[in-house]
């Protein structure tokens, strides 16, 4: 089983994205390498953003074994993210 991937789709000009960043960083410290954290700048990676149907930033997508498990638009708090990721960590 592969580890879950958390995609953080953001834009440098996005205020709420700047609020999301420290939450993701805190979670990354807590969960370590059990989760693959990937920040994706939508302005630099339009193709990937299009593939996932990103219309709003920030958007967080949790993927496991190549399948989208959860998608969240807007700022998401650490406890919610941890609760969603915990069962996916092997």
Protein backbone atom coordinates (compact mmCIF):
# COMPACT_ATOMS: atom_id res chain seq x y z
CA UNK A 1 0.00 0.00 0.00
CA UNK A 2 1.25 3.44 -0.86
CA UNK A 3 1.13 6.28 1.61
CA UNK A 4 -1.58 8.92 1.25
CA UNK A 5 -0.80 12.12 -0.63
CA UNK A 6 -2.10 15.50 0.50
CA UNK A 7 -2.13 18.01 -2.34
CA UNK A 8 -2.33 21.64 -1.24
CA UNK A 9 -3.47 23.61 -4.29
CA UNK A 10 -2.71 27.28 -3.62
CA UNK A 11 -1.82 30.61 -5.25
CA UNK A 12 0.74 33.14 -4.02
CA UNK A 13 -1.86 35.95 -4.24
CA UNK A 14 -4.44 34.06 -2.15
CA UNK A 15 -4.98 35.27 1.44
CA UNK A 16 -6.75 32.12 2.72
CA UNK A 17 -3.91 30.04 1.20
CA UNK A 18 -1.48 31.88 3.48
CA UNK A 19 -3.70 30.87 6.42
CA UNK A 20 -3.67 27.22 5.25
CA UNK A 21 0.13 26.97 4.93
CA UNK A 22 1.02 26.95 8.67
CA UNK A 23 -1.75 24.39 9.30
CA UNK A 24 -0.25 22.07 6.69
CA UNK A 25 3.27 22.65 8.03
CA UNK A 26 2.13 21.76 11.57
CA UNK A 27 0.47 18.59 10.28
CA UNK A 28 3.56 17.68 8.28
CA UNK A 29 5.71 17.89 11.43
CA UNK A 30 3.21 15.74 13.31
CA UNK A 31 2.64 13.05 10.66
CA UNK A 32 6.15 13.08 9.20
CA UNK A 33 6.86 10.85 6.25
CA UNK A 34 3.71 8.74 6.73
CA UNK A 35 1.99 11.21 4.39
CA UNK A 36 3.39 12.69 1.17
CA UNK A 37 2.69 16.45 1.36
CA UNK A 38 2.74 18.32 -1.95
CA UNK A 39 2.21 22.05 -2.43
CA UNK A 40 0.93 22.89 -5.90
CA UNK A 41 0.92 26.50 -7.13
CA UNK A 42 -2.06 26.61 -9.50
CA UNK A 43 -0.54 29.45 -11.52
CA UNK A 44 2.61 27.38 -12.17
CA UNK A 45 0.86 24.01 -12.56
CA UNK A 46 -2.33 24.75 -14.49
CA UNK A 47 -2.35 21.31 -16.10
CA UNK A 48 -2.37 19.50 -12.74
CA UNK A 49 -4.96 21.92 -11.34
CA UNK A 50 -7.13 21.23 -14.39
CA UNK A 51 -6.69 17.45 -13.99
CA UNK A 52 -8.10 17.69 -10.44
CA UNK A 53 -10.80 20.22 -11.41
CA UNK A 54 -9.50 22.94 -9.10
CA UNK A 55 -11.78 25.99 -9.22
CA UNK A 56 -11.11 27.49 -5.77
CA UNK A 57 -7.92 28.01 -3.78
CA UNK A 58 -7.02 26.74 -1.34
CA UNK A 59 -8.21 23.27 -2.25
CA UNK A 60 -6.84 20.23 -0.46
CA UNK A 61 -7.04 16.81 -2.05
CA UNK A 62 -6.22 13.58 -0.27
CA UNK A 63 -5.30 10.73 -2.57
CA UNK A 64 -4.54 7.10 -1.71
CA UNK A 65 -3.39 4.47 -4.19
CA UNK A 66 -4.01 6.88 -7.07
CA UNK A 67 -7.63 7.57 -6.11
CA UNK A 68 -9.06 10.78 -4.66
CA UNK A 69 -10.36 10.01 -1.17
CA UNK A 70 -11.35 13.53 -0.10
CA UNK A 71 -11.46 17.03 -1.58
CA UNK A 72 -11.89 20.17 0.52
CA UNK A 73 -12.24 23.77 -0.64
CA UNK A 74 -11.28 26.65 1.62
CA UNK A 75 -9.16 26.62 4.76
CA UNK A 76 -9.28 23.28 6.60
CA UNK A 77 -8.12 22.94 10.21
CA UNK A 78 -5.43 20.50 11.38
CA UNK A 79 -7.70 18.24 13.52
CA UNK A 80 -10.03 17.67 10.54
CA UNK A 81 -7.13 16.84 8.24
CA UNK A 82 -5.53 14.55 10.80
CA UNK A 83 -8.84 12.73 11.31
CA UNK A 84 -9.14 12.16 7.54
CA UNK A 85 -5.51 11.06 7.10
CA UNK A 86 -5.13 8.80 10.16
CA UNK A 87 -7.06 5.80 8.77
CA UNK A 88 -5.11 6.01 5.50
CA UNK A 89 -1.68 5.74 7.09
CA UNK A 90 -0.32 2.20 7.04
